[in-house]
Structures are given as structure tokens and as C-alpha cells.
């Protein structure tokens, strides 16, 4: 009987251990987000690394915006699932996509 209790406790513990969140880098170089499409999970962090000499943004139309100064990096933790298309407000031809799983 005690072994059964240990097994149940183990199964409960396995079920409640949260998945490890990741930090995913998106490099900005020569007016390009790279990679263009990122697959991530809710709780992951996106870090934009701006290698250009001018500022960029990661802007979601009707949503959030992240200002990314030249030669710096900025992070954002993903809080909702779903596809997210973003662009640079200063350079609208720069586009990226986040595919966020629950």
C-alpha cells in the first residue's frame, strides 16, 4: 500500500511541474528581423537584438509595441497564445511573426 501512495504522489508531482520557459532571440540587422517567424510558448521571452545603428520597433497593429534602441536589446514575455504579426513602425517593410502555443 505505501508504494501505491508514492506512485500517486509522483504522478501528481509530474503533472504540476511547469515547463521551462525559453528566451528566443530575434536579431535585427540591415532592416531585417531574423528569424522572420518564431515558434514559442506562452511564458517564453522574445529578445530582439538590434545590430543596426538606428532604432526599430516591434509593433502589433492594435496591440503592443516594443521600442528597440540602436545597438541594444529589449525583451518581452509572451502572455497569450495565437499568431502575432508585427512590424517596425519606422520601417514598415520590416515584418515578423510569432506563433505562440499555449
N, C-alpha and C. Protein backbone atom coordinates (compact mmCIF):
# COMPACT_ATOMS: atom_id res chain seq x y z
N UNK A 1 0.81 -1.20 0.00
CA UNK A 1 0.00 0.00 0.00
C UNK A 1 0.86 1.27 0.00
N UNK A 2 1.95 1.38 0.75
CA UNK A 2 2.75 2.59 0.74
C UNK A 2 3.34 2.89 -0.64
N UNK A 3 3.70 1.83 -1.42
CA UNK A 3 4.25 2.07 -2.75
C UNK A 3 3.22 2.75 -3.65
N UNK A 4 1.97 2.36 -3.49
CA UNK A 4 0.91 2.97 -4.29
C UNK A 4 0.81 4.46 -3.99
N UNK A 5 0.92 4.85 -2.73
CA UNK A 5 0.85 6.27 -2.35
C UNK A 5 2.02 7.04 -2.95
N UNK A 6 3.20 6.41 -2.96
CA UNK A 6 4.35 7.07 -3.57
C UNK A 6 4.14 7.26 -5.07
N UNK A 7 3.59 6.25 -5.73
CA UNK A 7 3.34 6.35 -7.15
C UNK A 7 2.34 7.47 -7.45
N UNK A 8 1.28 7.59 -6.68
CA UNK A 8 0.29 8.65 -6.87
C UNK A 8 0.94 10.02 -6.63
N UNK A 9 1.74 10.12 -5.59
CA UNK A 9 2.43 11.38 -5.30
C UNK A 9 3.37 11.75 -6.45
N UNK A 10 4.06 10.76 -6.99
CA UNK A 10 4.96 11.00 -8.12
C UNK A 10 4.19 11.50 -9.33
N UNK A 11 3.08 10.85 -9.66
CA UNK A 11 2.28 11.24 -10.82
C UNK A 11 1.72 12.65 -10.64
N UNK A 12 1.29 12.99 -9.45
CA UNK A 12 0.80 14.34 -9.20
C UNK A 12 1.92 15.37 -9.35
N UNK A 13 3.09 15.04 -8.84
CA UNK A 13 4.23 15.95 -8.94
C UNK A 13 4.63 16.17 -10.40
N UNK A 14 4.63 15.12 -11.19
CA UNK A 14 4.99 15.24 -12.60
C UNK A 14 3.99 16.13 -13.32
N UNK A 15 2.73 16.02 -12.98
CA UNK A 15 1.69 16.80 -13.65
C UNK A 15 1.72 18.28 -13.33
N UNK A 16 2.30 18.67 -12.19
CA UNK A 16 2.26 20.08 -11.81
C UNK A 16 3.59 20.79 -12.00
N UNK A 17 4.58 20.11 -12.52
CA UNK A 17 5.87 20.75 -12.77
C UNK A 17 5.72 21.61 -14.04
N UNK A 18 5.94 22.92 -13.92
CA UNK A 18 5.77 23.77 -15.10
C UNK A 18 6.87 23.53 -16.13
N UNK A 19 6.52 23.72 -17.38
CA UNK A 19 7.51 23.61 -18.45
C UNK A 19 8.50 24.77 -18.33
N UNK A 20 9.73 24.52 -18.70
CA UNK A 20 10.77 25.53 -18.61
C UNK A 20 10.57 26.58 -19.72
N UNK A 21 10.45 27.83 -19.32
CA UNK A 21 10.31 28.91 -20.31
C UNK A 21 11.66 29.15 -20.99
N UNK A 22 11.61 29.57 -22.23
CA UNK A 22 12.82 29.82 -23.01
C UNK A 22 12.93 31.30 -23.36
N UNK A 23 14.15 31.72 -23.65
CA UNK A 23 14.40 33.04 -24.23
C UNK A 23 14.81 32.80 -25.68
N UNK A 24 14.09 33.42 -26.59
CA UNK A 24 14.32 33.24 -28.02
C UNK A 24 14.79 34.57 -28.59
N UNK A 25 15.94 34.55 -29.25
CA UNK A 25 16.49 35.78 -29.81
C UNK A 25 16.04 35.99 -31.25
N UNK A 26 15.69 37.24 -31.52
CA UNK A 26 15.42 37.69 -32.88
C UNK A 26 16.43 38.80 -33.14
N UNK A 27 17.28 38.61 -34.14
CA UNK A 27 18.30 39.60 -34.47
C UNK A 27 17.75 40.58 -35.51
N UNK A 28 18.07 41.85 -35.32
CA UNK A 28 17.73 42.87 -36.31
C UNK A 28 19.05 43.34 -36.91
N UNK A 29 19.19 43.13 -38.21
CA UNK A 29 20.43 43.52 -38.89
C UNK A 29 20.09 43.90 -40.32
N UNK A 30 20.48 45.10 -40.72
CA UNK A 30 20.23 45.59 -42.08
C UNK A 30 18.76 45.58 -42.44
N UNK A 31 17.94 46.07 -41.50
CA UNK A 31 16.50 46.22 -41.71
C UNK A 31 15.76 44.90 -41.89
N UNK A 32 16.23 43.84 -41.22
CA UNK A 32 15.58 42.54 -41.32
C UNK A 32 15.48 41.90 -39.93
N UNK A 33 14.28 41.38 -39.59
CA UNK A 33 14.11 40.55 -38.40
C UNK A 33 14.55 39.14 -38.78
N UNK A 34 15.39 38.51 -37.97
CA UNK A 34 15.85 37.16 -38.26
C UNK A 34 15.91 36.32 -36.98
N UNK A 35 15.18 35.21 -36.92
CA UNK A 35 14.32 34.67 -37.97
C UNK A 35 13.05 35.50 -38.12
N UNK A 36 12.45 35.42 -39.29
CA UNK A 36 11.22 36.16 -39.57
C UNK A 36 10.07 35.57 -38.76
N UNK A 37 9.99 34.25 -38.70
CA UNK A 37 8.93 33.56 -37.96
C UNK A 37 9.54 32.81 -36.78
N UNK A 38 8.93 32.99 -35.62
CA UNK A 38 9.39 32.33 -34.39
C UNK A 38 8.24 31.52 -33.82
N UNK A 39 8.52 30.27 -33.46
CA UNK A 39 7.55 29.46 -32.75
C UNK A 39 7.93 29.47 -31.28
N UNK A 40 6.96 29.81 -30.42
CA UNK A 40 7.21 29.96 -28.99
C UNK A 40 6.00 29.47 -28.21
N UNK A 41 6.11 29.52 -26.89
CA UNK A 41 5.02 29.13 -26.00
C UNK A 41 4.72 30.30 -25.06
N UNK A 42 3.49 30.33 -24.56
CA UNK A 42 3.14 31.32 -23.54
C UNK A 42 4.14 31.17 -22.39
N UNK A 43 4.69 32.28 -21.93
CA UNK A 43 5.69 32.26 -20.87
C UNK A 43 7.11 32.41 -21.39
N UNK A 44 7.33 32.12 -22.69
CA UNK A 44 8.65 32.33 -23.28
C UNK A 44 8.91 33.83 -23.41
N UNK A 45 10.17 34.17 -23.53
CA UNK A 45 10.58 35.56 -23.70
C UNK A 45 11.21 35.73 -25.08
N UNK A 46 10.78 36.76 -25.78
CA UNK A 46 11.41 37.12 -27.05
C UNK A 46 12.38 38.25 -26.75
N UNK A 47 13.62 38.10 -27.21
CA UNK A 47 14.63 39.14 -27.05
C UNK A 47 15.04 39.62 -28.44
N UNK A 48 14.72 40.88 -28.74
CA UNK A 48 15.13 41.48 -30.00
C UNK A 48 16.49 42.11 -29.79
N UNK A 49 17.46 41.74 -30.62
CA UNK A 49 18.83 42.26 -30.55
C UNK A 49 19.04 43.14 -31.79
N UNK A 50 19.15 44.44 -31.56
CA UNK A 50 19.26 45.40 -32.66
C UNK A 50 20.74 45.66 -32.97
N UNK A 51 21.19 45.18 -34.10
CA UNK A 51 22.58 45.39 -34.53
C UNK A 51 22.71 46.62 -35.43
N UNK A 52 21.59 47.21 -35.79
CA UNK A 52 21.61 48.40 -36.65
C UNK A 52 21.99 49.64 -35.85
N UNK A 53 22.30 50.72 -36.57
CA UNK A 53 22.72 51.97 -35.92
C UNK A 53 21.54 52.92 -35.71
N UNK A 54 20.33 52.45 -35.96
CA UNK A 54 19.14 53.26 -35.71
C UNK A 54 18.08 52.42 -35.03
N UNK A 55 17.12 53.12 -34.41
CA UNK A 55 16.08 52.45 -33.63
C UNK A 55 15.08 51.72 -34.53
N UNK A 56 14.48 50.69 -33.94
CA UNK A 56 13.40 49.94 -34.58
C UNK A 56 12.31 49.72 -33.54
N UNK A 57 11.17 49.23 -33.99
CA UNK A 57 10.12 48.80 -33.08
C UNK A 57 9.66 47.40 -33.49
N UNK A 58 9.04 46.72 -32.56
CA UNK A 58 8.25 45.53 -32.85
C UNK A 58 6.83 45.95 -32.48
N UNK A 59 6.03 46.24 -33.49
CA UNK A 59 4.71 46.84 -33.30
C UNK A 59 3.63 45.89 -33.81
N UNK A 60 2.64 45.65 -32.96
CA UNK A 60 1.48 44.85 -33.35
C UNK A 60 0.33 45.82 -33.57
N UNK A 61 -0.23 45.83 -34.76
CA UNK A 61 -1.33 46.74 -35.08
C UNK A 61 -2.49 46.52 -34.10
N UNK A 62 -2.87 47.58 -33.39
CA UNK A 62 -3.95 47.49 -32.41
C UNK A 62 -3.54 46.78 -31.12
N UNK A 63 -2.23 46.54 -30.95
CA UNK A 63 -1.75 45.81 -29.76
C UNK A 63 -0.56 46.49 -29.13
N UNK A 64 0.44 45.71 -28.83
CA UNK A 64 1.61 46.21 -28.12
C UNK A 64 2.69 46.73 -29.06
N UNK A 65 3.64 47.46 -28.45
CA UNK A 65 4.79 47.95 -29.20
C UNK A 65 6.01 47.91 -28.29
N UNK A 66 7.12 47.46 -28.85
CA UNK A 66 8.40 47.42 -28.14
C UNK A 66 9.37 48.32 -28.89
N UNK A 67 9.96 49.30 -28.19
CA UNK A 67 10.97 50.18 -28.79
C UNK A 67 12.33 49.52 -28.60
N UNK A 68 13.10 49.40 -29.69
CA UNK A 68 14.40 48.72 -29.65
C UNK A 68 15.48 49.72 -30.08
N UNK A 69 16.18 50.32 -29.12
CA UNK A 69 17.20 51.32 -29.46
C UNK A 69 18.35 50.72 -30.26
N UNK A 70 19.11 51.58 -30.97
CA UNK A 70 20.24 51.08 -31.75
C UNK A 70 21.28 50.41 -30.86
N UNK A 71 21.83 49.30 -31.38
CA UNK A 71 22.91 48.56 -30.70
C UNK A 71 22.52 48.09 -29.30
N UNK A 72 21.23 47.84 -29.07
CA UNK A 72 20.75 47.35 -27.77
C UNK A 72 19.77 46.21 -27.98
N UNK A 73 19.35 45.61 -26.87
CA UNK A 73 18.35 44.55 -26.94
C UNK A 73 17.23 44.85 -25.95
N UNK A 74 16.04 44.34 -26.28
CA UNK A 74 14.85 44.53 -25.47
C UNK A 74 14.09 43.20 -25.46
N UNK A 75 13.49 42.87 -24.30
CA UNK A 75 12.78 41.59 -24.16
C UNK A 75 11.31 41.81 -23.84
N UNK A 76 10.50 40.82 -24.22
CA UNK A 76 9.07 40.81 -23.95
C UNK A 76 8.67 39.37 -23.65
N UNK A 77 7.96 39.16 -22.54
CA UNK A 77 7.46 37.83 -22.19
C UNK A 77 6.07 37.65 -22.79
N UNK A 78 5.88 36.54 -23.48
CA UNK A 78 4.62 36.26 -24.17
C UNK A 78 3.56 35.80 -23.17
N UNK A 79 2.40 36.44 -23.21
CA UNK A 79 1.36 36.17 -22.23
C UNK A 79 0.09 35.54 -22.81
N UNK A 80 -0.01 35.47 -24.15
CA UNK A 80 -1.22 34.92 -24.76
C UNK A 80 -0.85 34.06 -25.97
N UNK A 81 -1.64 33.03 -26.20
CA UNK A 81 -1.42 32.13 -27.35
C UNK A 81 -2.05 32.72 -28.60
N UNK A 82 -1.51 32.28 -29.72
CA UNK A 82 -2.05 32.70 -31.01
C UNK A 82 -0.98 33.28 -31.89
N UNK A 83 -1.29 33.46 -33.17
CA UNK A 83 -0.32 34.07 -34.08
C UNK A 83 -0.28 35.58 -33.87
N UNK A 84 0.92 36.15 -33.96
CA UNK A 84 1.10 37.59 -33.79
C UNK A 84 1.99 38.09 -34.93
N UNK A 85 1.45 38.97 -35.75
CA UNK A 85 2.23 39.60 -36.81
C UNK A 85 2.69 40.96 -36.30
N UNK A 86 3.97 41.28 -36.50
CA UNK A 86 4.48 42.57 -36.07
C UNK A 86 5.34 43.18 -37.16
N UNK A 87 5.62 44.48 -37.01
CA UNK A 87 6.41 45.21 -37.99
C UNK A 87 7.15 46.33 -37.27
N UNK A 88 8.07 46.95 -37.97
CA UNK A 88 8.77 48.12 -37.43
C UNK A 88 7.99 49.36 -37.87
N UNK A 89 7.58 50.16 -36.90
CA UNK A 89 6.80 51.37 -37.22
C UNK A 89 7.61 52.35 -38.06
N UNK A 90 8.94 52.38 -37.87
CA UNK A 90 9.80 53.28 -38.62
C UNK A 90 10.13 52.75 -40.02
N UNK A 91 10.10 51.44 -40.16
CA UNK A 91 10.46 50.78 -41.43
C UNK A 91 9.41 49.70 -41.71
N UNK A 92 8.22 50.09 -42.19
CA UNK A 92 7.09 49.16 -42.31
C UNK A 92 7.35 47.93 -43.18
N UNK A 93 8.40 47.95 -44.00
CA UNK A 93 8.71 46.76 -44.79
C UNK A 93 9.35 45.66 -43.93
N UNK A 94 9.78 46.00 -42.71
CA UNK A 94 10.34 45.00 -41.78
C UNK A 94 9.17 44.31 -41.09
N UNK A 95 9.04 43.00 -41.29
CA UNK A 95 7.91 42.26 -40.73
C UNK A 95 8.40 40.99 -40.06
N UNK A 96 7.69 40.61 -38.99
CA UNK A 96 7.98 39.37 -38.29
C UNK A 96 6.69 38.71 -37.83
N UNK A 97 6.82 37.47 -37.39
CA UNK A 97 5.63 36.71 -36.95
C UNK A 97 6.03 35.83 -35.77
N UNK A 98 5.18 35.88 -34.74
CA UNK A 98 5.31 34.98 -33.59
C UNK A 98 4.15 34.01 -33.64
N UNK A 99 4.43 32.73 -33.54
CA UNK A 99 3.39 31.71 -33.46
C UNK A 99 3.48 31.17 -32.03
N UNK A 100 2.52 31.59 -31.19
CA UNK A 100 2.61 31.31 -29.75
C UNK A 100 1.62 30.20 -29.38
N UNK A 101 2.17 29.09 -28.88
CA UNK A 101 1.35 27.96 -28.43
C UNK A 101 1.04 28.12 -26.95
N UNK A 102 -0.07 27.54 -26.50
CA UNK A 102 -0.41 27.63 -25.06
C UNK A 102 0.62 26.97 -24.17
